PDB file of N, CA and C in Angstrom:
ATOM      1  N   MET A   1     -14.747   9.745  -8.305  1.00  0.00           N
ATOM      2  CA  MET A   1     -13.529   8.976  -8.477  1.00  0.00           C
ATOM      3  C   MET A   1     -13.850   8.073  -9.759  1.00  0.00           C
ATOM      4  N   LYS A   2     -13.042   8.098 -10.664  1.00  0.00           N
ATOM      5  CA  LYS A   2     -13.203   7.263 -11.771  1.00  0.00           C
ATOM      6  C   LYS A   2     -13.068   5.734 -11.534  1.00  0.00           C
ATOM      7  N   TYR A   3     -13.960   5.059 -12.131  1.00  0.00           N
ATOM      8  CA  TYR A   3     -14.157   3.507 -12.020  1.00  0.00           C
ATOM      9  C   TYR A   3     -14.715   3.135 -10.649  1.00  0.00           C
ATOM     10  N   LEU A   4     -15.000   4.005  -9.742  1.00  0.00           N
ATOM     11  CA  LEU A   4     -15.580   3.596  -8.399  1.00  0.00           C
ATOM     12  C   LEU A   4     -16.902   2.853  -8.752  1.00  0.00           C
ATOM     13  N   SER A   5     -17.835   3.502  -9.501  1.00  0.00           N
ATOM     14  CA  SER A   5     -19.152   2.879  -9.563  1.00  0.00           C
ATOM     15  C   SER A   5     -19.081   1.522 -10.412  1.00  0.00           C
ATOM     16  N   GLU A   6     -18.181   1.325 -11.286  1.00  0.00           N
ATOM     17  CA  GLU A   6     -18.201   0.094 -11.956  1.00  0.00           C
ATOM     18  C   GLU A   6     -17.914  -1.113 -11.020  1.00  0.00           C
ATOM     19  N   TYR A   7     -17.194  -0.946  -9.969  1.00  0.00           N
ATOM     20  CA  TYR A   7     -16.869  -2.134  -9.014  1.00  0.00           C
ATOM     21  C   TYR A   7     -17.936  -2.268  -8.057  1.00  0.00           C
ATOM     22  N   ARG A   8     -18.992  -1.438  -8.098  1.00  0.00           N
ATOM     23  CA  ARG A   8     -20.171  -1.647  -7.188  1.00  0.00           C
ATOM     24  C   ARG A   8     -21.398  -2.201  -7.949  1.00  0.00           C
ATOM     25  N   GLU A   9     -21.170  -2.703  -9.114  1.00  0.00           N
ATOM     26  CA  GLU A   9     -22.326  -3.308  -9.886  1.00  0.00           C
ATOM     27  C   GLU A   9     -22.097  -4.777  -9.803  1.00  0.00           C
ATOM     28  N   PRO A  10     -23.233  -5.452  -9.074  1.00  0.00           N
ATOM     29  CA  PRO A  10     -23.126  -6.879  -8.731  1.00  0.00           C
ATOM     30  C   PRO A  10     -22.910  -7.647 -10.010  1.00  0.00           C
ATOM     31  N   GLU A  11     -23.545  -7.399 -11.062  1.00  0.00           N
ATOM     32  CA  GLU A  11     -23.437  -8.264 -12.352  1.00  0.00           C
ATOM     33  C   GLU A  11     -21.964  -8.151 -12.823  1.00  0.00           C
ATOM     34  N   LEU A  12     -21.308  -6.931 -12.892  1.00  0.00           N
ATOM     35  CA  LEU A  12     -19.996  -6.845 -13.334  1.00  0.00           C
ATOM     36  C   LEU A  12     -19.008  -7.579 -12.376  1.00  0.00           C
ATOM     37  N   VAL A  13     -19.286  -7.430 -11.094  1.00  0.00           N
ATOM     38  CA  VAL A  13     -18.476  -8.243 -10.157  1.00  0.00           C
ATOM     39  C   VAL A  13     -18.595  -9.665 -10.418  1.00  0.00           C
ATOM     40  N   LYS A  14     -19.725 -10.289 -10.629  1.00  0.00           N
ATOM     41  CA  LYS A  14     -20.011 -11.550 -10.987  1.00  0.00           C
ATOM     42  C   LYS A  14     -19.219 -11.966 -12.158  1.00  0.00           C
ATOM     43  N   GLN A  15     -19.145 -11.085 -13.223  1.00  0.00           N
ATOM     44  CA  GLN A  15     -18.447 -11.423 -14.453  1.00  0.00           C
ATOM     45  C   GLN A  15     -16.901 -11.536 -14.174  1.00  0.00           C
ATOM     46  N   TYR A  16     -16.477 -10.615 -13.346  1.00  0.00           N
ATOM     47  CA  TYR A  16     -14.938 -10.700 -13.015  1.00  0.00           C
ATOM     48  C   TYR A  16     -14.679 -11.943 -12.163  1.00  0.00           C
ATOM     49  N   LEU A  17     -15.515 -12.336 -11.306  1.00  0.00           N
ATOM     50  CA  LEU A  17     -15.256 -13.539 -10.546  1.00  0.00           C
ATOM     51  C   LEU A  17     -15.345 -14.705 -11.411  1.00  0.00           C
ATOM     52  N   ASP A  18     -16.357 -14.865 -12.249  1.00  0.00           N
ATOM     53  CA  ASP A  18     -16.412 -15.929 -13.169  1.00  0.00           C
ATOM     54  C   ASP A  18     -15.225 -16.094 -14.018  1.00  0.00           C
ATOM     55  N   GLU A  19     -14.647 -14.965 -14.560  1.00  0.00           N
ATOM     56  CA  GLU A  19     -13.469 -14.986 -15.301  1.00  0.00           C
ATOM     57  C   GLU A  19     -12.269 -15.428 -14.485  1.00  0.00           C
ATOM     58  N   ILE A  20     -12.175 -15.039 -13.334  1.00  0.00           N
ATOM     59  CA  ILE A  20     -11.190 -15.517 -12.425  1.00  0.00           C
ATOM     60  C   ILE A  20     -11.095 -16.941 -12.107  1.00  0.00           C
ATOM     61  N   HIS A  21     -12.415 -17.508 -11.892  1.00  0.00           N
ATOM     62  CA  HIS A  21     -12.554 -18.981 -11.647  1.00  0.00           C
ATOM     63  C   HIS A  21     -12.113 -19.745 -12.911  1.00  0.00           C
ATOM     64  N   LYS A  22     -12.513 -19.153 -14.118  1.00  0.00           N
ATOM     65  CA  LYS A  22     -12.186 -19.725 -15.410  1.00  0.00           C
ATOM     66  C   LYS A  22     -10.784 -19.957 -15.619  1.00  0.00           C
ATOM     67  N   ILE A  23      -9.966 -18.924 -15.338  1.00  0.00           N
ATOM     68  CA  ILE A  23      -8.545 -18.881 -15.666  1.00  0.00           C
ATOM     69  C   ILE A  23      -7.639 -19.420 -14.622  1.00  0.00           C
ATOM     70  N   THR A  24      -8.205 -19.831 -13.491  1.00  0.00           N
ATOM     71  CA  THR A  24      -7.368 -20.296 -12.436  1.00  0.00           C
ATOM     72  C   THR A  24      -7.240 -21.840 -12.537  1.00  0.00           C
ATOM     73  N   THR A  25      -6.081 -22.218 -13.175  1.00  0.00           N
ATOM     74  CA  THR A  25      -5.995 -23.622 -13.558  1.00  0.00           C
ATOM     75  C   THR A  25      -4.871 -24.353 -12.703  1.00  0.00           C
ATOM     76  N   ARG A  26      -4.313 -23.525 -11.684  1.00  0.00           N
ATOM     77  CA  ARG A  26      -3.175 -23.995 -10.890  1.00  0.00           C
ATOM     78  C   ARG A  26      -3.176 -23.159  -9.600  1.00  0.00           C
ATOM     79  N   PRO A  27      -2.539 -23.537  -8.568  1.00  0.00           N
ATOM     80  CA  PRO A  27      -2.526 -22.607  -7.381  1.00  0.00           C
ATOM     81  C   PRO A  27      -1.842 -21.240  -7.734  1.00  0.00           C
ATOM     82  N   TRP A  28      -2.446 -20.256  -7.094  1.00  0.00           N
ATOM     83  CA  TRP A  28      -1.779 -18.940  -7.178  1.00  0.00           C
ATOM     84  C   TRP A  28      -1.542 -18.416  -5.763  1.00  0.00           C
ATOM     85  N   LYS A  29      -0.445 -17.697  -5.585  1.00  0.00           N
ATOM     86  CA  LYS A  29      -0.320 -16.919  -4.324  1.00  0.00           C
ATOM     87  C   LYS A  29      -0.166 -15.436  -4.771  1.00  0.00           C
ATOM     88  N   ILE A  30      -1.046 -14.655  -4.230  1.00  0.00           N
ATOM     89  CA  ILE A  30      -1.049 -13.268  -4.652  1.00  0.00           C
ATOM     90  C   ILE A  30      -0.877 -12.383  -3.437  1.00  0.00           C
ATOM     91  N   MET A  31       0.146 -11.503  -3.394  1.00  0.00           N
ATOM     92  CA  MET A  31       0.361 -10.666  -2.190  1.00  0.00           C
ATOM     93  C   MET A  31      -0.335  -9.258  -2.488  1.00  0.00           C
ATOM     94  N   GLU A  32      -1.115  -8.889  -1.546  1.00  0.00           N
ATOM     95  CA  GLU A  32      -1.673  -7.480  -1.629  1.00  0.00           C
ATOM     96  C   GLU A  32      -0.663  -6.677  -0.638  1.00  0.00           C
ATOM     97  N   ILE A  33      -0.132  -5.641  -1.149  1.00  0.00           N
ATOM     98  CA  ILE A  33       0.866  -4.869  -0.443  1.00  0.00           C
ATOM     99  C   ILE A  33       0.344  -4.048   0.682  1.00  0.00           C
ATOM    100  N   CYS A  34      -0.771  -3.322   0.287  1.00  0.00           N
ATOM    101  CA  CYS A  34      -1.234  -2.265   1.260  1.00  0.00           C
ATOM    102  C   CYS A  34      -2.308  -2.855   2.206  1.00  0.00           C
ATOM    103  N   GLY A  35      -2.309  -2.326   3.417  1.00  0.00           N
ATOM    104  CA  GLY A  35      -3.354  -2.779   4.338  1.00  0.00           C
ATOM    105  C   GLY A  35      -4.702  -2.382   3.858  1.00  0.00           C
ATOM    106  N   GLY A  36      -4.826  -1.276   3.079  1.00  0.00           N
ATOM    107  CA  GLY A  36      -6.131  -0.790   2.567  1.00  0.00           C
ATOM    108  C   GLY A  36      -6.656  -1.763   1.555  1.00  0.00           C
ATOM    109  N   GLN A  37      -5.723  -2.386   0.799  1.00  0.00           N
ATOM    110  CA  GLN A  37      -6.223  -3.506  -0.107  1.00  0.00           C
ATOM    111  C   GLN A  37      -6.703  -4.679   0.696  1.00  0.00           C
ATOM    112  N   THR A  38      -5.973  -5.057   1.769  1.00  0.00           N
ATOM    113  CA  THR A  38      -6.486  -6.226   2.490  1.00  0.00           C
ATOM    114  C   THR A  38      -7.777  -5.920   3.141  1.00  0.00           C
ATOM    115  N   HIS A  39      -7.897  -4.672   3.652  1.00  0.00           N
ATOM    116  CA  HIS A  39      -9.139  -4.312   4.356  1.00  0.00           C
ATOM    117  C   HIS A  39     -10.359  -4.376   3.317  1.00  0.00           C
ATOM    118  N   GLY A  40     -10.122  -3.828   2.071  1.00  0.00           N
ATOM    119  CA  GLY A  40     -11.090  -3.838   1.142  1.00  0.00           C
ATOM    120  C   GLY A  40     -11.533  -5.306   0.722  1.00  0.00           C
ATOM    121  N   LEU A  41     -10.543  -6.213   0.537  1.00  0.00           N
ATOM    122  CA  LEU A  41     -10.804  -7.536   0.240  1.00  0.00           C
ATOM    123  C   LEU A  41     -11.553  -8.302   1.323  1.00  0.00           C
ATOM    124  N   VAL A  42     -11.231  -8.062   2.493  1.00  0.00           N
ATOM    125  CA  VAL A  42     -11.921  -8.706   3.624  1.00  0.00           C
ATOM    126  C   VAL A  42     -13.206  -8.181   3.874  1.00  0.00           C
ATOM    127  N   LYS A  43     -13.375  -6.898   3.892  1.00  0.00           N
ATOM    128  CA  LYS A  43     -14.576  -6.166   4.170  1.00  0.00           C
ATOM    129  C   LYS A  43     -15.682  -6.426   3.108  1.00  0.00           C
ATOM    130  N   ASN A  44     -15.297  -6.665   1.929  1.00  0.00           N
ATOM    131  CA  ASN A  44     -16.291  -6.875   0.894  1.00  0.00           C
ATOM    132  C   ASN A  44     -16.497  -8.415   0.590  1.00  0.00           C
ATOM    133  N   GLY A  45     -15.710  -9.306   1.342  1.00  0.00           N
ATOM    134  CA  GLY A  45     -15.984 -10.734   1.270  1.00  0.00           C
ATOM    135  C   GLY A  45     -15.305 -11.254  -0.103  1.00  0.00           C
ATOM    136  N   ILE A  46     -14.502 -10.402  -0.644  1.00  0.00           N
ATOM    137  CA  ILE A  46     -13.861 -10.902  -1.991  1.00  0.00           C
ATOM    138  C   ILE A  46     -13.024 -12.137  -1.773  1.00  0.00           C
ATOM    139  N   ILE A  47     -12.227 -12.152  -0.679  1.00  0.00           N
ATOM    140  CA  ILE A  47     -11.341 -13.322  -0.442  1.00  0.00           C
ATOM    141  C   ILE A  47     -12.125 -14.622  -0.471  1.00  0.00           C
ATOM    142  N   ASP A  48     -13.281 -14.559   0.208  1.00  0.00           N
ATOM    143  CA  ASP A  48     -14.131 -15.719   0.291  1.00  0.00           C
ATOM    144  C   ASP A  48     -14.718 -16.161  -1.111  1.00  0.00           C
ATOM    145  N   MET A  49     -14.838 -15.214  -2.036  1.00  0.00           N
ATOM    146  CA  MET A  49     -15.362 -15.537  -3.310  1.00  0.00           C
ATOM    147  C   MET A  49     -14.341 -16.151  -4.261  1.00  0.00           C
ATOM    148  N   LEU A  50     -13.085 -15.966  -3.979  1.00  0.00           N
ATOM    149  CA  LEU A  50     -11.999 -16.440  -4.918  1.00  0.00           C
ATOM    150  C   LEU A  50     -11.928 -17.958  -4.891  1.00  0.00           C
ATOM    151  N   PRO A  51     -11.435 -18.514  -5.990  1.00  0.00           N
ATOM    152  CA  PRO A  51     -11.258 -19.998  -6.042  1.00  0.00           C
ATOM    153  C   PRO A  51     -10.328 -20.416  -4.911  1.00  0.00           C
ATOM    154  N   GLU A  52     -10.489 -21.678  -4.435  1.00  0.00           N
ATOM    155  CA  GLU A  52      -9.710 -22.144  -3.374  1.00  0.00           C
ATOM    156  C   GLU A  52      -8.123 -22.272  -3.703  1.00  0.00           C
ATOM    157  N   GLU A  53      -7.924 -22.251  -5.080  1.00  0.00           N
ATOM    158  CA  GLU A  53      -6.489 -22.368  -5.568  1.00  0.00           C
ATOM    159  C   GLU A  53      -5.772 -20.962  -5.243  1.00  0.00           C
ATOM    160  N   ILE A  54      -6.639 -19.922  -5.048  1.00  0.00           N
ATOM    161  CA  ILE A  54      -5.898 -18.602  -4.812  1.00  0.00           C
ATOM    162  C   ILE A  54      -5.712 -18.362  -3.343  1.00  0.00           C
ATOM    163  N   THR A  55      -4.473 -18.210  -3.067  1.00  0.00           N
ATOM    164  CA  THR A  55      -4.105 -17.859  -1.514  1.00  0.00           C
ATOM    165  C   THR A  55      -3.683 -16.366  -1.597  1.00  0.00           C
ATOM    166  N   MET A  56      -4.354 -15.659  -0.797  1.00  0.00           N
ATOM    167  CA  MET A  56      -3.966 -14.187  -0.672  1.00  0.00           C
ATOM    168  C   MET A  56      -2.888 -14.097   0.475  1.00  0.00           C
ATOM    169  N   VAL A  57      -1.846 -13.413   0.244  1.00  0.00           N
ATOM    170  CA  VAL A  57      -0.746 -13.251   1.227  1.00  0.00           C
ATOM    171  C   VAL A  57      -0.782 -11.861   1.589  1.00  0.00           C
ATOM    172  N   HIS A  58      -0.941 -11.613   2.907  1.00  0.00           N
ATOM    173  CA  HIS A  58      -0.968 -10.167   3.375  1.00  0.00           C
ATOM    174  C   HIS A  58       0.371  -9.625   3.457  1.00  0.00           C
ATOM    175  N   GLY A  59       0.656  -8.643   2.718  1.00  0.00           N
ATOM    176  CA  GLY A  59       1.999  -8.048   2.704  1.00  0.00           C
ATOM    177  C   GLY A  59       2.463  -7.159   3.707  1.00  0.00           C
ATOM    178  N   PRO A  60       3.536  -6.564   3.561  1.00  0.00           N
ATOM    179  CA  PRO A  60       4.217  -5.795   4.695  1.00  0.00           C
ATOM    180  C   PRO A  60       3.514  -4.474   4.982  1.00  0.00           C
ATOM    181  N   GLY A  61       2.694  -4.062   4.043  1.00  0.00           N
ATOM    182  CA  GLY A  61       2.089  -2.674   4.171  1.00  0.00           C
ATOM    183  C   GLY A  61       2.782  -1.726   3.177  1.00  0.00           C
ATOM    184  N   CYS A  62       2.120  -0.590   2.848  1.00  0.00           N
ATOM    185  CA  CYS A  62       2.710   0.394   1.974  1.00  0.00           C
ATOM    186  C   CYS A  62       3.774   1.166   2.813  1.00  0.00           C
ATOM    187  N   PRO A  63       4.667   1.893   2.189  1.00  0.00           N
ATOM    188  CA  PRO A  63       5.727   2.650   2.762  1.00  0.00           C
ATOM    189  C   PRO A  63       5.120   3.628   3.678  1.00  0.00           C
ATOM    190  N   VAL A  64       3.987   4.251   3.359  1.00  0.00           N
ATOM    191  CA  VAL A  64       3.426   5.280   4.252  1.00  0.00           C
ATOM    192  C   VAL A  64       3.021   4.759   5.553  1.00  0.00           C
ATOM    193  N   CYS A  65       2.315   3.388   5.436  1.00  0.00           N
ATOM    194  CA  CYS A  65       1.820   2.935   6.609  1.00  0.00           C
ATOM    195  C   CYS A  65       2.855   2.285   7.594  1.00  0.00           C
ATOM    196  N   VAL A  66       3.904   1.783   7.011  1.00  0.00           N
ATOM    197  CA  VAL A  66       4.937   1.122   7.904  1.00  0.00           C
ATOM    198  C   VAL A  66       6.157   1.831   8.191  1.00  0.00           C
ATOM    199  N   THR A  67       6.304   3.029   7.698  1.00  0.00           N
ATOM    200  CA  THR A  67       7.580   3.775   7.962  1.00  0.00           C
ATOM    201  C   THR A  67       7.433   4.632   9.206  1.00  0.00           C
ATOM    202  N   PRO A  68       8.349   4.373  10.181  1.00  0.00           N
ATOM    203  CA  PRO A  68       8.214   5.127  11.467  1.00  0.00           C
ATOM    204  C   PRO A  68       8.478   6.584  11.222  1.00  0.00           C
ATOM    205  N   VAL A  69       7.951   7.479  12.113  1.00  0.00           N
ATOM    206  CA  VAL A  69       8.107   8.904  11.937  1.00  0.00           C
ATOM    207  C   VAL A  69       9.608   9.270  12.072  1.00  0.00           C
ATOM    208  N   SER A  70      10.378   8.504  12.782  1.00  0.00           N
ATOM    209  CA  SER A  70      11.711   8.875  13.007  1.00  0.00           C
ATOM    210  C   SER A  70      12.557   8.717  11.730  1.00  0.00           C
ATOM    211  N   ILE A  71      12.065   7.806  10.881  1.00  0.00           N
ATOM    212  CA  ILE A  71      12.771   7.655   9.539  1.00  0.00           C
ATOM    213  C   ILE A  71      12.446   8.767   8.648  1.00  0.00           C
ATOM    214  N   ILE A  72      11.102   9.247   8.713  1.00  0.00           N
ATOM    215  CA  ILE A  72      10.682  10.391   7.936  1.00  0.00           C
ATOM    216  C   ILE A  72      11.479  11.629   8.286  1.00  0.00           C
ATOM    217  N   ASP A  73      11.710  11.848   9.653  1.00  0.00           N
ATOM    218  CA  ASP A  73      12.493  12.896  10.174  1.00  0.00           C
ATOM    219  C   ASP A  73      13.892  12.830   9.495  1.00  0.00           C
ATOM    220  N   GLU A  74      14.468  11.674   9.566  1.00  0.00           N
ATOM    221  CA  GLU A  74      15.845  11.561   9.068  1.00  0.00           C
ATOM    222  C   GLU A  74      15.868  11.895   7.533  1.00  0.00           C
ATOM    223  N   ALA A  75      14.865  11.460   6.814  1.00  0.00           N
ATOM    224  CA  ALA A  75      14.870  11.695   5.273  1.00  0.00           C
ATOM    225  C   ALA A  75      14.663  13.168   5.034  1.00  0.00           C
ATOM    226  N   VAL A  76      13.839  13.793   5.812  1.00  0.00           N
ATOM    227  CA  VAL A  76      13.673  15.228   5.610  1.00  0.00           C
ATOM    228  C   VAL A  76      14.928  15.960   5.954  1.00  0.00           C
ATOM    229  N   TYR A  77      15.605  15.619   7.019  1.00  0.00           N
ATOM    230  CA  TYR A  77      16.833  16.255   7.339  1.00  0.00           C
ATOM    231  C   TYR A  77      17.970  16.078   6.226  1.00  0.00           C
ATOM    232  N   LEU A  78      18.104  14.812   5.767  1.00  0.00           N
ATOM    233  CA  LEU A  78      19.007  14.504   4.736  1.00  0.00           C
ATOM    234  C   LEU A  78      18.641  15.250   3.505  1.00  0.00           C
ATOM    235  N   ALA A  79      17.373  15.428   3.131  1.00  0.00           N
ATOM    236  CA  ALA A  79      17.036  16.007   1.936  1.00  0.00           C
ATOM    237  C   ALA A  79      17.385  17.526   1.871  1.00  0.00           C
ATOM    238  N   LYS A  80      17.469  18.095   3.108  1.00  0.00           N
ATOM    239  CA  LYS A  80      17.845  19.489   3.115  1.00  0.00           C
ATOM    240  C   LYS A  80      19.347  19.691   3.106  1.00  0.00           C
ATOM    241  N   LEU A  81      20.086  18.653   3.085  1.00  0.00           N
ATOM    242  CA  LEU A  81      21.576  18.857   2.989  1.00  0.00           C
ATOM    243  C   LEU A  81      21.952  19.162   1.397  1.00  0.00           C
ATOM    244  N   PRO A  82      23.055  19.899   1.229  1.00  0.00           N
ATOM    245  CA  PRO A  82      23.371  20.217  -0.122  1.00  0.00           C
ATOM    246  C   PRO A  82      23.795  18.902  -0.876  1.00  0.00           C
ATOM    247  N   ASN A  83      23.544  18.817  -2.129  1.00  0.00           N
ATOM    248  CA  ASN A  83      23.883  17.664  -3.003  1.00  0.00           C
ATOM    249  C   ASN A  83      23.312  16.321  -2.588  1.00  0.00           C
ATOM    250  N   VAL A  84      22.242  16.267  -2.004  1.00  0.00           N
ATOM    251  CA  VAL A  84      21.524  15.116  -1.522  1.00  0.00           C
ATOM    252  C   VAL A  84      20.300  14.906  -2.285  1.00  0.00           C
ATOM    253  N   ILE A  85      20.009  13.697  -2.799  1.00  0.00           N
ATOM    254  CA  ILE A  85      18.780  13.396  -3.486  1.00  0.00           C
ATOM    255  C   ILE A  85      18.161  12.188  -2.794  1.00  0.00           C
ATOM    256  N   ILE A  86      16.880  12.335  -2.341  1.00  0.00           N
ATOM    257  CA  ILE A  86      16.170  11.305  -1.680  1.00  0.00           C
ATOM    258  C   ILE A  86      15.153  10.603  -2.681  1.00  0.00           C
ATOM    259  N   CYS A  87      15.262   9.301  -2.779  1.00  0.00           N
ATOM    260  CA  CYS A  87      14.341   8.585  -3.720  1.00  0.00           C
ATOM    261  C   CYS A  87      13.312   7.838  -2.885  1.00  0.00           C
ATOM    262  N   SER A  88      12.105   7.847  -3.297  1.00  0.00           N
ATOM    263  CA  SER A  88      11.028   7.122  -2.523  1.00  0.00           C
ATOM    264  C   SER A  88       9.928   6.659  -3.495  1.00  0.00           C
ATOM    265  N   PHE A  89       8.962   5.812  -2.876  1.00  0.00           N
ATOM    266  CA  PHE A  89       7.790   5.551  -3.611  1.00  0.00           C
ATOM    267  C   PHE A  89       7.042   6.846  -3.728  1.00  0.00           C
ATOM    268  N   GLY A  90       6.157   7.017  -4.759  1.00  0.00           N
ATOM    269  CA  GLY A  90       5.415   8.190  -4.934  1.00  0.00           C
ATOM    270  C   GLY A  90       4.521   8.551  -3.805  1.00  0.00           C
ATOM    271  N   ASP A  91       3.875   7.520  -3.205  1.00  0.00           N
ATOM    272  CA  ASP A  91       2.936   7.870  -2.227  1.00  0.00           C
ATOM    273  C   ASP A  91       3.632   8.404  -0.959  1.00  0.00           C
ATOM    274  N   MET A  92       4.802   8.111  -0.782  1.00  0.00           N
ATOM    275  CA  MET A  92       5.591   8.518   0.319  1.00  0.00           C
ATOM    276  C   MET A  92       5.855   9.977   0.321  1.00  0.00           C
ATOM    277  N   LEU A  93       5.946  10.552  -0.890  1.00  0.00           N
ATOM    278  CA  LEU A  93       6.343  11.908  -1.094  1.00  0.00           C
ATOM    279  C   LEU A  93       5.264  12.892  -0.579  1.00  0.00           C
ATOM    280  N   GLY A  94       3.993  12.426  -0.397  1.00  0.00           N
ATOM    281  CA  GLY A  94       3.019  13.275   0.242  1.00  0.00           C
ATOM    282  C   GLY A  94       2.820  13.165   1.738  1.00  0.00           C
ATOM    283  N   PHE A  95       3.740  12.377   2.401  1.00  0.00           N
ATOM    284  CA  PHE A  95       3.601  12.021   3.689  1.00  0.00           C
ATOM    285  C   PHE A  95       3.781  13.237   4.520  1.00  0.00           C
ATOM    286  N   PRO A  96       2.880  13.589   5.518  1.00  0.00           N
ATOM    287  CA  PRO A  96       3.242  14.866   6.235  1.00  0.00           C
ATOM    288  C   PRO A  96       4.274  14.642   7.463  1.00  0.00           C
ATOM    289  N   ALA A  97       5.212  15.391   7.438  1.00  0.00           N
ATOM    290  CA  ALA A  97       6.263  15.334   8.546  1.00  0.00           C
ATOM    291  C   ALA A  97       5.660  15.925   9.681  1.00  0.00           C
ATOM    292  N   PRO A  98       6.132  15.544  10.947  1.00  0.00           N
ATOM    293  CA  PRO A  98       5.803  16.256  12.113  1.00  0.00           C
ATOM    294  C   PRO A  98       6.166  17.676  12.174  1.00  0.00           C
ATOM    295  N   LYS A  99       5.306  18.475  12.620  1.00  0.00           N
ATOM    296  CA  LYS A  99       5.645  19.977  12.649  1.00  0.00           C
ATOM    297  C   LYS A  99       6.645  20.343  13.888  1.00  0.00           C
ATOM    298  N   LYS A 100       6.671  19.344  14.898  1.00  0.00           N
ATOM    299  CA  LYS A 100       7.505  19.790  15.965  1.00  0.00           C
ATOM    300  C   LYS A 100       9.033  19.551  15.793  1.00  0.00           C
ATOM    301  N   VAL A 101       9.423  19.025  14.637  1.00  0.00           N
ATOM    302  CA  VAL A 101      10.857  18.695  14.389  1.00  0.00           C
ATOM    303  C   VAL A 101      11.404  20.045  13.899  1.00  0.00           C
ATOM    304  N   CYS A 102      12.649  20.220  14.428  1.00  0.00           N
ATOM    305  CA  CYS A 102      13.527  21.431  14.066  1.00  0.00           C
ATOM    306  C   CYS A 102      14.488  20.900  12.971  1.00  0.00           C
ATOM    307  N   TRP A 103      14.349  21.246  11.736  1.00  0.00           N
ATOM    308  CA  TRP A 103      15.115  20.754  10.758  1.00  0.00           C
ATOM    309  C   TRP A 103      16.618  21.278  10.805  1.00  0.00           C
ATOM    310  N   LYS A 104      16.919  22.194  11.743  1.00  0.00           N
ATOM    311  CA  LYS A 104      18.291  22.593  11.904  1.00  0.00           C
ATOM    312  C   LYS A 104      19.061  21.728  12.726  1.00  0.00           C
ATOM    313  N   GLN A 105      18.327  20.818  13.469  1.00  0.00           N
ATOM    314  CA  GLN A 105      19.037  19.912  14.297  1.00  0.00           C
ATOM    315  C   GLN A 105      19.090  18.541  13.627  1.00  0.00           C
ATOM    316  N   ARG A 106      20.144  17.847  13.848  1.00  0.00           N
ATOM    317  CA  ARG A 106      20.260  16.481  13.292  1.00  0.00           C
ATOM    318  C   ARG A 106      19.504  15.545  14.108  1.00  0.00           C
ATOM    319  N   PRO A 107      18.661  14.643  13.384  1.00  0.00           N
ATOM    320  CA  PRO A 107      17.878  13.643  14.138  1.00  0.00           C
ATOM    321  C   PRO A 107      18.897  12.685  14.892  1.00  0.00           C
ATOM    322  N   LYS A 108      18.381  12.315  16.184  1.00  0.00           N
ATOM    323  CA  LYS A 108      19.159  11.601  17.081  1.00  0.00           C
ATOM    324  C   LYS A 108      19.726  10.255  16.280  1.00  0.00           C
ATOM    325  N   ALA A 109      18.907   9.650  15.441  1.00  0.00           N
ATOM    326  CA  ALA A 109      19.389   8.446  14.737  1.00  0.00           C
ATOM    327  C   ALA A 109      20.590   8.685  13.862  1.00  0.00           C
ATOM    328  N   LEU A 110      20.734   9.991  13.528  1.00  0.00           N
ATOM    329  CA  LEU A 110      21.921  10.206  12.557  1.00  0.00           C
ATOM    330  C   LEU A 110      23.105  10.730  13.362  1.00  0.00           C
ATOM    331  N   MET A 111      23.055  10.797  14.710  1.00  0.00           N
ATOM    332  CA  MET A 111      24.108  11.320  15.439  1.00  0.00           C
ATOM    333  C   MET A 111      25.180  10.259  15.730  1.00  0.00           C
TER     334      MET A 111
END
């Protein structure tokens, strides 16, 4: 994966953190959207290394993580109708729909 090794170099991480400390001149609130981001920040202790002026706000989660399967079922049903276009975040487009759903039947939520 491109750029993965760069973020595992302690000296480079120290340089990034030094720069963050230097430019933090007032309180910041930063929201990480995805639970994977939150996990990475906590697991690697990054939140504890940030200046006290930076507050990390844990967001709602990415669309893939927080969307119920029933909504995916409805979207797939609607997408199969003529003249319907479904718009979504890019990562949502790769979400695997359940194989048990019969697309010829309307999902209960749409009845």
